Amino acid sequence: MEKVAYNGKTLTRWQVGNSTFLALPEQGARLMNWHLGLGDGSTRDILYWPEDANFAEFYKVRGGNPILFPFNARTFDAGEIAFWRDPAGLRRPMPMHGFARQGEFKVTRLDARGFTAQLLPSDDARAAYPFNYEFTVAYRFSELGLACELTLRNLDTQPIPWSAGHHFYFTAPWSDGHTRADYAIRIPATRTHRQDAAGKLTPGPALKPEERLDNPALVDTFHLGLKSNAVSFGPVNGPGSVTVRNGTAAIPPAEATFVTWTMSPEAPFYCVEPWMGPPNAPETKIGLHWVQPGQAQSFVVEIAVK
């Protein structure tokens, strides 16, 4: 583990076996890049990070793993985006993907295998989410993988709702001469959804258990009813596949969600995102979780390269 000065920031870098992890825990608890040293001396980026990233608007950078808290994606109140209604019935603002990705964090653990960081809610965050709580992000790095645990501890006298997640930007394709058509993704879902302009969940596309990554029907699709907590993707005929696990139960709750998304057919990344539930959970109640006073809940994801 070492500190690295880069673009006016002080980053932290971990070397664990052949894996190198680069993060800025104080800003959004953001894991920026993960790359793997290969036997021929080359490197493979597992998590994409753009070389021209604008650190002045760090939370907007499309790369690494933005943390989505307290709610995923777009929330609505009575059809109006960027709002939600709290348990007391008050309408409150809620940014896209919540406020953790643009939040300030305090590092509470920093060691040779990862870090833990605690959110320091801003005034805007308190206005959006009016509870007394502690939210932490804990990473544990390994030679060919990582685990990330999101924990919400309720310090309040009332139950607190949440439905958090991750927005992993995976480099894809990662081999010279390959295109997305050469890669397959295996998602053990029994149903799919999309979100309409008013925030409601609608039926999604009919997909096979295995699809090529260039299938446009995968983009912005929510995969639920998972028969397993694991999604894997990689070359159709070749090693190096990535497996992402949603939670620690072999069969996750019915509302646990994987999201597949990319910005364009030419984008150098493909997002496979494990969420606690689909978007707009406060309004639809689908995938909405509650933490009781004095209690804590955790959401754990794991990634492995084979």
C-alpha atoms as a PDB file:
ATOM      1  CA  MET A   1       0.000   0.000   0.000  1.00  0.00           C
ATOM      2  CA  GLU A   2       1.329   3.429  -0.899  1.00  0.00           C
ATOM      3  CA  LYS A   3       0.202   7.010  -1.453  1.00  0.00           C
ATOM      4  CA  VAL A   4       0.378   8.388  -4.983  1.00  0.00           C
ATOM      5  CA  ALA A   5       0.177  12.038  -6.037  1.00  0.00           C
ATOM      6  CA  TYR A   6      -1.898  12.369  -9.198  1.00  0.00           C
ATOM      7  CA  ASN A   7      -3.724  15.269 -10.837  1.00  0.00           C
ATOM      8  CA  GLY A   8      -3.706  17.331  -7.657  1.00  0.00           C
ATOM      9  CA  LYS A   9      -5.059  14.476  -5.510  1.00  0.00           C
ATOM     10  CA  THR A  10      -3.461  11.947  -3.199  1.00  0.00           C
ATOM     11  CA  LEU A  11      -4.550   8.470  -4.204  1.00  0.00           C
ATOM     12  CA  THR A  12      -3.937   5.162  -2.448  1.00  0.00           C
ATOM     13  CA  ARG A  13      -2.555   2.181  -4.335  1.00  0.00           C
ATOM     14  CA  TRP A  14      -2.561  -1.455  -3.233  1.00  0.00           C
ATOM     15  CA  GLN A  15      -0.520  -4.280  -4.719  1.00  0.00           C
ATOM     16  CA  VAL A  16      -2.024  -7.672  -3.842  1.00  0.00           C
ATOM     17  CA  GLY A  17      -0.391 -10.470  -5.771  1.00  0.00           C
ATOM     18  CA  ASN A  18      -0.643  -9.565  -9.444  1.00  0.00           C
ATOM     19  CA  SER A  19      -3.556  -7.194  -8.821  1.00  0.00           C
ATOM     20  CA  THR A  20      -3.179  -3.436  -8.408  1.00  0.00           C
ATOM     21  CA  PHE A  21      -6.028  -1.355  -6.955  1.00  0.00           C
ATOM     22  CA  LEU A  22      -6.204   2.445  -7.056  1.00  0.00           C
ATOM     23  CA  ALA A  23      -8.710   4.424  -4.977  1.00  0.00           C
ATOM     24  CA  LEU A  24      -9.590   7.830  -3.574  1.00  0.00           C
ATOM     25  CA  PRO A  25     -11.461   6.759  -0.422  1.00  0.00           C
ATOM     26  CA  GLU A  26     -12.071  10.321   0.781  1.00  0.00           C
ATOM     27  CA  GLN A  27     -14.159  11.177  -2.289  1.00  0.00           C
ATOM     28  CA  GLY A  28     -17.159   8.948  -2.713  1.00  0.00           C
ATOM     29  CA  ALA A  29     -15.239   5.978  -1.247  1.00  0.00           C
ATOM     30  CA  ARG A  30     -14.333   5.541  -4.905  1.00  0.00           C
ATOM     31  CA  LEU A  31     -12.408   2.555  -6.187  1.00  0.00           C
ATOM     32  CA  MET A  32     -11.025   3.953  -9.436  1.00  0.00           C
ATOM     33  CA  ASN A  33      -9.065   1.220 -11.163  1.00  0.00           C
ATOM     34  CA  TRP A  34      -8.173  -2.432 -10.807  1.00  0.00           C
ATOM     35  CA  HIS A  35      -5.664  -3.969 -13.181  1.00  0.00           C
ATOM     36  CA  LEU A  36      -3.999  -7.330 -13.351  1.00  0.00           C
ATOM     37  CA  GLY A  37      -0.413  -8.099 -14.318  1.00  0.00           C
ATOM     38  CA  LEU A  38      -0.247 -10.964 -16.809  1.00  0.00           C
ATOM     39  CA  GLY A  39       2.439 -13.575 -17.327  1.00  0.00           C
ATOM     40  CA  ASP A  40       3.699 -12.007 -20.562  1.00  0.00           C
ATOM     41  CA  GLY A  41       4.416  -8.707 -18.813  1.00  0.00           C
ATOM     42  CA  SER A  42       1.308  -6.922 -20.087  1.00  0.00           C
ATOM     43  CA  THR A  43      -1.562  -5.665 -17.945  1.00  0.00           C
ATOM     44  CA  ARG A  44      -5.303  -6.099 -18.150  1.00  0.00           C
ATOM     45  CA  ASP A  45      -7.691  -3.481 -16.795  1.00  0.00           C
ATOM     46  CA  ILE A  46     -10.534  -5.136 -14.917  1.00  0.00           C
ATOM     47  CA  LEU A  47     -12.156  -1.856 -13.830  1.00  0.00           C
ATOM     48  CA  TYR A  48     -11.941   0.912 -16.397  1.00  0.00           C
ATOM     49  CA  TRP A  49     -10.730   4.421 -15.562  1.00  0.00           C
ATOM     50  CA  PRO A  50     -10.344   7.093 -18.285  1.00  0.00           C
ATOM     51  CA  GLU A  51      -6.930   8.678 -18.663  1.00  0.00           C
ATOM     52  CA  ASP A  52      -8.557  12.088 -19.254  1.00  0.00           C
ATOM     53  CA  ALA A  53     -10.763  11.959 -16.154  1.00  0.00           C
ATOM     54  CA  ASN A  54     -11.903  15.387 -14.959  1.00  0.00           C
ATOM     55  CA  PHE A  55     -11.015  15.475 -11.264  1.00  0.00           C
ATOM     56  CA  ALA A  56     -12.821  18.796 -10.872  1.00  0.00           C
ATOM     57  CA  GLU A  57     -16.055  16.839 -11.326  1.00  0.00           C
ATOM     58  CA  PHE A  58     -14.805  13.579  -9.920  1.00  0.00           C
ATOM     59  CA  TYR A  59     -18.185  12.037  -9.135  1.00  0.00           C
ATOM     60  CA  LYS A  60     -19.253  12.350 -12.775  1.00  0.00           C
ATOM     61  CA  VAL A  61     -16.333  10.331 -14.122  1.00  0.00           C
ATOM     62  CA  ARG A  62     -17.485   7.182 -15.902  1.00  0.00           C
ATOM     63  CA  GLY A  63     -15.119   4.663 -14.413  1.00  0.00           C
ATOM     64  CA  GLY A  64     -14.260   2.597 -11.366  1.00  0.00           C
ATOM     65  CA  ASN A  65     -17.118   1.889  -8.979  1.00  0.00           C
ATOM     66  CA  PRO A  66     -19.400   4.738  -7.902  1.00  0.00           C
ATOM     67  CA  ILE A  67     -21.318   3.871  -4.716  1.00  0.00           C
ATOM     68  CA  LEU A  68     -25.098   4.251  -5.037  1.00  0.00           C
ATOM     69  CA  PHE A  69     -26.701   5.269  -1.732  1.00  0.00           C
ATOM     70  CA  PRO A  70     -29.300   5.577  -0.309  1.00  0.00           C
ATOM     71  CA  PHE A  71     -31.230   4.647  -3.474  1.00  0.00           C
ATOM     72  CA  ASN A  72     -30.283   3.428  -6.933  1.00  0.00           C
ATOM     73  CA  ALA A  73     -30.773   5.360 -10.150  1.00  0.00           C
ATOM     74  CA  ARG A  74     -33.869   7.513 -10.591  1.00  0.00           C
ATOM     75  CA  THR A  75     -36.410   8.114  -7.849  1.00  0.00           C
ATOM     76  CA  PHE A  76     -39.845   9.661  -8.441  1.00  0.00           C
ATOM     77  CA  ASP A  77     -42.673  11.127  -6.451  1.00  0.00           C
ATOM     78  CA  ALA A  78     -46.049  11.104  -8.231  1.00  0.00           C
ATOM     79  CA  GLY A  79     -44.307  10.918 -11.606  1.00  0.00           C
ATOM     80  CA  GLU A  80     -41.793  13.708 -10.952  1.00  0.00           C
ATOM     81  CA  ILE A  81     -38.161  12.694 -11.122  1.00  0.00           C
ATOM     82  CA  ALA A  82     -35.471  13.509  -8.525  1.00  0.00           C
ATOM     83  CA  PHE A  83     -37.843  13.364  -5.555  1.00  0.00           C
ATOM     84  CA  TRP A  84     -39.036  10.816  -3.036  1.00  0.00           C
ATOM     85  CA  ARG A  85     -41.527  10.805  -0.179  1.00  0.00           C
ATOM     86  CA  ASP A  86     -40.071  10.054   3.239  1.00  0.00           C
ATOM     87  CA  PRO A  87     -41.778   7.878   5.893  1.00  0.00           C
ATOM     88  CA  ALA A  88     -43.383  10.993   7.412  1.00  0.00           C
ATOM     89  CA  GLY A  89     -45.027  11.783   4.080  1.00  0.00           C
ATOM     90  CA  LEU A  90     -42.786  14.740   3.182  1.00  0.00           C
ATOM     91  CA  ARG A  91     -41.508  15.184  -0.367  1.00  0.00           C
ATOM     92  CA  ARG A  92     -37.733  15.444  -0.445  1.00  0.00           C
ATOM     93  CA  PRO A  93     -35.090  15.845  -3.182  1.00  0.00           C
ATOM     94  CA  MET A  94     -33.014  12.846  -4.190  1.00  0.00           C
ATOM     95  CA  PRO A  95     -30.217  13.087  -6.781  1.00  0.00           C
ATOM     96  CA  MET A  96     -29.704  10.433  -9.422  1.00  0.00           C
ATOM     97  CA  HIS A  97     -28.075   7.421  -7.695  1.00  0.00           C
ATOM     98  CA  GLY A  98     -28.297   9.198  -4.346  1.00  0.00           C
ATOM     99  CA  PHE A  99     -25.540  11.338  -2.830  1.00  0.00           C
ATOM    100  CA  ALA A 100     -22.740   9.011  -1.681  1.00  0.00           C
ATOM    101  CA  ARG A 101     -20.835   9.077  -4.974  1.00  0.00           C
ATOM    102  CA  GLN A 102     -20.378  12.856  -4.638  1.00  0.00           C
ATOM    103  CA  GLY A 103     -19.997  12.734  -0.863  1.00  0.00           C
ATOM    104  CA  GLU A 104     -17.056  13.279   1.442  1.00  0.00           C
ATOM    105  CA  PHE A 105     -15.868  10.254   3.436  1.00  0.00           C
ATOM    106  CA  LYS A 106     -13.647   9.759   6.477  1.00  0.00           C
ATOM    107  CA  VAL A 107     -11.225   6.831   6.294  1.00  0.00           C
ATOM    108  CA  THR A 108     -11.563   4.658   9.402  1.00  0.00           C
ATOM    109  CA  ARG A 109      -9.422   1.711   8.245  1.00  0.00           C
ATOM    110  CA  LEU A 110      -6.490   1.653   5.859  1.00  0.00           C
ATOM    111  CA  ASP A 111      -4.304  -1.442   5.645  1.00  0.00           C
ATOM    112  CA  ALA A 112      -2.470  -3.663   3.192  1.00  0.00           C
ATOM    113  CA  ARG A 113      -5.679  -5.306   1.960  1.00  0.00           C
ATOM    114  CA  GLY A 114      -8.148  -2.412   1.657  1.00  0.00           C
ATOM    115  CA  PHE A 115     -10.001   0.332   3.480  1.00  0.00           C
ATOM    116  CA  THR A 116     -13.184   1.334   5.265  1.00  0.00           C
ATOM    117  CA  ALA A 117     -14.644   4.823   4.830  1.00  0.00           C
ATOM    118  CA  GLN A 118     -17.574   6.512   6.570  1.00  0.00           C
ATOM    119  CA  LEU A 119     -19.852   9.007   4.845  1.00  0.00           C
ATOM    120  CA  LEU A 120     -19.872  12.551   6.231  1.00  0.00           C
ATOM    121  CA  PRO A 121     -23.332  13.787   5.181  1.00  0.00           C
ATOM    122  CA  SER A 122     -23.479  17.298   3.755  1.00  0.00           C
ATOM    123  CA  ASP A 123     -26.320  19.737   4.351  1.00  0.00           C
ATOM    124  CA  ASP A 124     -27.837  18.668   1.032  1.00  0.00           C
ATOM    125  CA  ALA A 125     -27.584  15.014   2.025  1.00  0.00           C
ATOM    126  CA  ARG A 126     -29.313  15.697   5.342  1.00  0.00           C
ATOM    127  CA  ALA A 127     -32.098  17.561   3.546  1.00  0.00           C
ATOM    128  CA  ALA A 128     -32.576  14.609   1.181  1.00  0.00           C
ATOM    129  CA  TYR A 129     -32.283  11.867   3.788  1.00  0.00           C
ATOM    130  CA  PRO A 130     -33.291  13.229   7.230  1.00  0.00           C
ATOM    131  CA  PHE A 131     -32.081  10.444   9.500  1.00  0.00           C
ATOM    132  CA  ASN A 132     -29.435   9.851  12.121  1.00  0.00           C
ATOM    133  CA  TYR A 133     -27.271   7.052  10.734  1.00  0.00           C
ATOM    134  CA  GLU A 134     -23.803   5.789   9.912  1.00  0.00           C
ATOM    135  CA  PHE A 135     -23.021   4.598   6.396  1.00  0.00           C
ATOM    136  CA  THR A 136     -19.737   2.854   5.659  1.00  0.00           C
ATOM    137  CA  VAL A 137     -18.051   1.342   2.616  1.00  0.00           C
ATOM    138  CA  ALA A 138     -15.503  -1.420   3.296  1.00  0.00           C
ATOM    139  CA  TYR A 139     -13.245  -2.908   0.619  1.00  0.00           C
ATOM    140  CA  ARG A 140     -11.171  -6.046   0.989  1.00  0.00           C
ATOM    141  CA  PHE A 141      -8.784  -6.786  -1.888  1.00  0.00           C
ATOM    142  CA  SER A 142      -7.375 -10.185  -2.876  1.00  0.00           C
ATOM    143  CA  GLU A 143      -5.044 -11.511  -5.563  1.00  0.00           C
ATOM    144  CA  LEU A 144      -7.818 -12.129  -8.086  1.00  0.00           C
ATOM    145  CA  GLY A 145     -10.808 -10.367  -6.620  1.00  0.00           C
ATOM    146  CA  LEU A 146     -12.412  -8.043  -4.150  1.00  0.00           C
ATOM    147  CA  ALA A 147     -15.289  -7.827  -1.696  1.00  0.00           C
ATOM    148  CA  CYS A 148     -17.162  -4.637  -0.885  1.00  0.00           C
ATOM    149  CA  GLU A 149     -19.542  -4.306   2.048  1.00  0.00           C
ATOM    150  CA  LEU A 150     -22.001  -1.421   2.366  1.00  0.00           C
ATOM    151  CA  THR A 151     -23.332  -1.039   5.917  1.00  0.00           C
ATOM    152  CA  LEU A 152     -26.140   1.203   7.167  1.00  0.00           C
ATOM    153  CA  ARG A 153     -26.347   1.561  10.935  1.00  0.00           C
ATOM    154  CA  ASN A 154     -29.514   3.139  12.329  1.00  0.00           C
ATOM    155  CA  LEU A 155     -28.739   5.621  15.120  1.00  0.00           C
ATOM    156  CA  ASP A 156     -32.249   7.070  14.941  1.00  0.00           C
ATOM    157  CA  THR A 157     -35.490   6.331  16.791  1.00  0.00           C
ATOM    158  CA  GLN A 158     -37.396   5.366  13.622  1.00  0.00           C
ATOM    159  CA  PRO A 159     -36.865   2.767  10.888  1.00  0.00           C
ATOM    160  CA  ILE A 160     -34.683   3.935   7.975  1.00  0.00           C
ATOM    161  CA  PRO A 161     -35.289   2.860   4.343  1.00  0.00           C
ATOM    162  CA  TRP A 162     -32.560   2.132   1.797  1.00  0.00           C
ATOM    163  CA  SER A 163     -31.871   0.274  -1.443  1.00  0.00           C
ATOM    164  CA  ALA A 164     -28.218   0.716  -2.356  1.00  0.00           C
ATOM    165  CA  GLY A 165     -25.901  -0.669  -5.010  1.00  0.00           C
ATOM    166  CA  HIS A 166     -22.793  -0.467  -7.161  1.00  0.00           C
ATOM    167  CA  HIS A 167     -22.027   0.881 -10.641  1.00  0.00           C
ATOM    168  CA  PHE A 168     -18.972  -1.153 -11.709  1.00  0.00           C
ATOM    169  CA  TYR A 169     -17.430  -0.003 -14.997  1.00  0.00           C
ATOM    170  CA  PHE A 170     -15.732  -3.108 -16.356  1.00  0.00           C
ATOM    171  CA  THR A 171     -13.285  -2.862 -19.223  1.00  0.00           C
ATOM    172  CA  ALA A 172     -14.812  -4.768 -22.153  1.00  0.00           C
ATOM    173  CA  PRO A 173     -13.599  -6.065 -24.448  1.00  0.00           C
ATOM    174  CA  TRP A 174     -10.206  -6.546 -22.843  1.00  0.00           C
ATOM    175  CA  SER A 175      -8.366  -8.531 -25.505  1.00  0.00           C
ATOM    176  CA  ASP A 176      -6.875  -7.059 -28.667  1.00  0.00           C
ATOM    177  CA  GLY A 177      -8.880  -7.890 -31.757  1.00  0.00           C
ATOM    178  CA  HIS A 178     -12.024  -8.754 -29.813  1.00  0.00           C
ATOM    179  CA  THR A 179     -15.376  -6.990 -29.914  1.00  0.00           C
ATOM    180  CA  ARG A 180     -18.349  -7.270 -27.593  1.00  0.00           C
ATOM    181  CA  ALA A 181     -19.782  -9.873 -29.945  1.00  0.00           C
ATOM    182  CA  ASP A 182     -16.941 -12.174 -28.825  1.00  0.00           C
ATOM    183  CA  TYR A 183     -18.063 -11.901 -25.186  1.00  0.00           C
ATOM    184  CA  ALA A 184     -21.004 -13.618 -23.494  1.00  0.00           C
ATOM    185  CA  ILE A 185     -22.799 -12.797 -20.249  1.00  0.00           C
ATOM    186  CA  ARG A 186     -24.677 -15.351 -18.185  1.00  0.00           C
ATOM    187  CA  ILE A 187     -27.447 -13.935 -15.990  1.00  0.00           C
ATOM    188  CA  PRO A 188     -29.595 -16.420 -14.002  1.00  0.00           C
ATOM    189  CA  ALA A 189     -32.685 -14.167 -13.964  1.00  0.00           C
ATOM    190  CA  THR A 190     -36.307 -15.230 -14.330  1.00  0.00           C
ATOM    191  CA  ARG A 191     -37.679 -11.813 -15.264  1.00  0.00           C
ATOM    192  CA  THR A 192     -36.525  -8.461 -16.631  1.00  0.00           C
ATOM    193  CA  HIS A 193     -37.788  -4.910 -16.260  1.00  0.00           C
ATOM    194  CA  ARG A 194     -37.274  -1.413 -17.560  1.00  0.00           C
ATOM    195  CA  GLN A 195     -38.346   1.905 -16.016  1.00  0.00           C
ATOM    196  CA  ASP A 196     -40.801   4.228 -17.748  1.00  0.00           C
ATOM    197  CA  ALA A 197     -40.818   8.036 -17.779  1.00  0.00           C
ATOM    198  CA  ALA A 198     -42.967   8.168 -14.635  1.00  0.00           C
ATOM    199  CA  GLY A 199     -40.714   5.825 -12.635  1.00  0.00           C
ATOM    200  CA  LYS A 200     -42.842   2.688 -12.876  1.00  0.00           C
ATOM    201  CA  LEU A 201     -41.335  -0.698 -13.654  1.00  0.00           C
ATOM    202  CA  THR A 202     -42.436  -2.147 -16.976  1.00  0.00           C
ATOM    203  CA  PRO A 203     -41.816  -5.572 -18.560  1.00  0.00           C
ATOM    204  CA  GLY A 204     -38.328  -5.891 -19.983  1.00  0.00           C
ATOM    205  CA  PRO A 205     -36.966  -7.756 -22.996  1.00  0.00           C
ATOM    206  CA  ALA A 206     -37.066 -11.519 -23.361  1.00  0.00           C
ATOM    207  CA  LEU A 207     -33.482 -12.689 -22.911  1.00  0.00           C
ATOM    208  CA  LYS A 208     -31.778 -16.059 -22.972  1.00  0.00           C
ATOM    209  CA  PRO A 209     -29.715 -17.284 -19.994  1.00  0.00           C
ATOM    210  CA  GLU A 210     -26.620 -16.496 -22.060  1.00  0.00           C
ATOM    211  CA  GLU A 211     -26.396 -13.455 -24.334  1.00  0.00           C
ATOM    212  CA  ARG A 212     -23.606 -11.794 -26.296  1.00  0.00           C
ATOM    213  CA  LEU A 213     -22.517  -8.455 -24.856  1.00  0.00           C
ATOM    214  CA  ASP A 214     -23.323  -6.660 -28.100  1.00  0.00           C
ATOM    215  CA  ASN A 215     -27.063  -7.384 -27.736  1.00  0.00           C
ATOM    216  CA  PRO A 216     -28.672  -3.909 -27.451  1.00  0.00           C
ATOM    217  CA  ALA A 217     -31.592  -5.384 -25.501  1.00  0.00           C
ATOM    218  CA  LEU A 218     -29.276  -5.780 -22.497  1.00  0.00           C
ATOM    219  CA  VAL A 219     -28.725  -2.031 -22.170  1.00  0.00           C
ATOM    220  CA  ASP A 220     -30.572  -0.425 -19.246  1.00  0.00           C
ATOM    221  CA  THR A 221     -32.266  -3.687 -18.297  1.00  0.00           C
ATOM    222  CA  PHE A 222     -32.962  -4.816 -14.733  1.00  0.00           C
ATOM    223  CA  HIS A 223     -32.626  -8.545 -14.075  1.00  0.00           C
ATOM    224  CA  LEU A 224     -34.610  -9.922 -11.104  1.00  0.00           C
ATOM    225  CA  GLY A 225     -35.819 -13.247  -9.763  1.00  0.00           C
ATOM    226  CA  LEU A 226     -32.253 -14.529  -9.668  1.00  0.00           C
ATOM    227  CA  LYS A 227     -31.780 -18.298  -9.418  1.00  0.00           C
ATOM    228  CA  SER A 228     -28.203 -17.687  -8.294  1.00  0.00           C
ATOM    229  CA  ASN A 229     -26.349 -14.686  -6.900  1.00  0.00           C
ATOM    230  CA  ALA A 230     -23.632 -14.937  -9.596  1.00  0.00           C
ATOM    231  CA  VAL A 231     -23.381 -13.265 -12.983  1.00  0.00           C
ATOM    232  CA  SER A 232     -20.361 -14.071 -15.141  1.00  0.00           C
ATOM    233  CA  PHE A 233     -19.107 -12.625 -18.415  1.00  0.00           C
ATOM    234  CA  GLY A 234     -16.088 -13.023 -20.647  1.00  0.00           C
ATOM    235  CA  PRO A 235     -14.809 -14.396 -23.942  1.00  0.00           C
ATOM    236  CA  VAL A 236     -17.006 -17.114 -25.419  1.00  0.00           C
ATOM    237  CA  ASN A 237     -13.935 -19.292 -25.991  1.00  0.00           C
ATOM    238  CA  GLY A 238     -11.209 -18.215 -23.637  1.00  0.00           C
ATOM    239  CA  PRO A 239     -10.094 -17.648 -20.041  1.00  0.00           C
ATOM    240  CA  GLY A 240     -10.339 -14.558 -17.899  1.00  0.00           C
ATOM    241  CA  SER A 241     -14.065 -14.361 -17.179  1.00  0.00           C
ATOM    242  CA  VAL A 242     -15.377 -12.059 -14.437  1.00  0.00           C
ATOM    243  CA  THR A 243     -17.935 -13.209 -11.856  1.00  0.00           C
ATOM    244  CA  VAL A 244     -19.978 -10.722  -9.845  1.00  0.00           C
ATOM    245  CA  ARG A 245     -21.950 -11.913  -6.814  1.00  0.00           C
ATOM    246  CA  ASN A 246     -24.989 -10.058  -5.481  1.00  0.00           C
ATOM    247  CA  GLY A 247     -25.116 -10.741  -1.748  1.00  0.00           C
ATOM    248  CA  THR A 248     -23.846 -13.727   0.197  1.00  0.00           C
ATOM    249  CA  ALA A 249     -26.857 -16.031  -0.129  1.00  0.00           C
ATOM    250  CA  ALA A 250     -26.580 -18.611  -2.914  1.00  0.00           C
ATOM    251  CA  ILE A 251     -30.093 -17.634  -3.992  1.00  0.00           C
ATOM    252  CA  PRO A 252     -30.662 -13.925  -3.268  1.00  0.00           C
ATOM    253  CA  PRO A 253     -33.992 -12.305  -2.380  1.00  0.00           C
ATOM    254  CA  ALA A 254     -36.455 -12.183  -5.279  1.00  0.00           C
ATOM    255  CA  GLU A 255     -36.076  -8.407  -5.605  1.00  0.00           C
ATOM    256  CA  ALA A 256     -32.255  -8.426  -5.748  1.00  0.00           C
ATOM    257  CA  THR A 257     -31.221  -6.900  -9.058  1.00  0.00           C
ATOM    258  CA  PHE A 258     -28.457  -6.936 -11.622  1.00  0.00           C
ATOM    259  CA  VAL A 259     -28.315  -4.078 -14.118  1.00  0.00           C
ATOM    260  CA  THR A 260     -26.601  -4.252 -17.509  1.00  0.00           C
ATOM    261  CA  TRP A 261     -25.737  -0.939 -19.137  1.00  0.00           C
ATOM    262  CA  THR A 262     -23.264   0.814 -21.367  1.00  0.00           C
ATOM    263  CA  MET A 263     -23.153   4.296 -22.834  1.00  0.00           C
ATOM    264  CA  SER A 264     -22.715   3.336 -26.493  1.00  0.00           C
ATOM    265  CA  PRO A 265     -21.588   0.439 -28.701  1.00  0.00           C
ATOM    266  CA  GLU A 266     -18.129   2.045 -28.867  1.00  0.00           C
ATOM    267  CA  ALA A 267     -17.681   2.732 -25.137  1.00  0.00           C
ATOM    268  CA  PRO A 268     -14.584   1.014 -23.668  1.00  0.00           C
ATOM    269  CA  PHE A 269     -16.591  -0.205 -20.669  1.00  0.00           C
ATOM    270  CA  TYR A 270     -19.593  -2.354 -19.852  1.00  0.00           C
ATOM    271  CA  CYS A 271     -21.433  -1.987 -16.550  1.00  0.00           C
ATOM    272  CA  VAL A 272     -22.655  -5.007 -14.599  1.00  0.00           C
ATOM    273  CA  GLU A 273     -24.235  -3.589 -11.471  1.00  0.00           C
ATOM    274  CA  PRO A 274     -25.405  -5.516  -8.382  1.00  0.00           C
ATOM    275  CA  TRP A 275     -28.208  -3.666  -6.570  1.00  0.00           C
ATOM    276  CA  MET A 276     -30.328  -4.420  -3.521  1.00  0.00           C
ATOM    277  CA  GLY A 277     -33.427  -3.750  -5.644  1.00  0.00           C
ATOM    278  CA  PRO A 278     -34.608  -1.994  -8.800  1.00  0.00           C
ATOM    279  CA  PRO A 279     -34.815   1.810  -9.124  1.00  0.00           C
ATOM    280  CA  ASN A 280     -37.460   3.946  -7.442  1.00  0.00           C
ATOM    281  CA  ALA A 281     -37.732   1.573  -4.503  1.00  0.00           C
ATOM    282  CA  PRO A 282     -39.158   4.233  -2.131  1.00  0.00           C
ATOM    283  CA  GLU A 283     -42.228   4.635  -4.352  1.00  0.00           C
ATOM    284  CA  THR A 284     -42.736   1.110  -5.722  1.00  0.00           C
ATOM    285  CA  LYS A 285     -41.607  -0.574  -2.455  1.00  0.00           C
ATOM    286  CA  ILE A 286     -39.920  -3.234  -4.621  1.00  0.00           C
ATOM    287  CA  GLY A 287     -36.477  -3.928  -3.196  1.00  0.00           C
ATOM    288  CA  LEU A 288     -36.920  -1.395  -0.385  1.00  0.00           C
ATOM    289  CA  HIS A 289     -35.180  -2.465   2.825  1.00  0.00           C
ATOM    290  CA  TRP A 290     -35.699  -1.105   6.343  1.00  0.00           C
ATOM    291  CA  VAL A 291     -33.164  -0.872   9.162  1.00  0.00           C
ATOM    292  CA  GLN A 292     -34.738  -0.792  12.600  1.00  0.00           C
ATOM    293  CA  PRO A 293     -33.520   1.583  15.366  1.00  0.00           C
ATOM    294  CA  GLY A 294     -30.301   0.373  16.950  1.00  0.00           C
ATOM    295  CA  GLN A 295     -29.745  -2.194  14.183  1.00  0.00           C
ATOM    296  CA  ALA A 296     -27.482  -2.406  11.130  1.00  0.00           C
ATOM    297  CA  GLN A 297     -27.799  -4.008   7.697  1.00  0.00           C
ATOM    298  CA  SER A 298     -25.044  -4.875   5.222  1.00  0.00           C
ATOM    299  CA  PHE A 299     -24.980  -5.491   1.494  1.00  0.00           C
ATOM    300  CA  VAL A 300     -21.972  -7.466   0.279  1.00  0.00           C
ATOM    301  CA  VAL A 301     -20.797  -7.958  -3.289  1.00  0.00           C
ATOM    302  CA  GLU A 302     -17.831  -9.987  -4.476  1.00  0.00           C
ATOM    303  CA  ILE A 303     -15.932  -9.972  -7.771  1.00  0.00           C
ATOM    304  CA  ALA A 304     -13.527 -12.643  -8.961  1.00  0.00           C
ATOM    305  CA  VAL A 305     -11.468 -13.111 -12.127  1.00  0.00           C
ATOM    306  CA  LYS A 306     -10.861 -16.657 -13.375  1.00  0.00           C
END
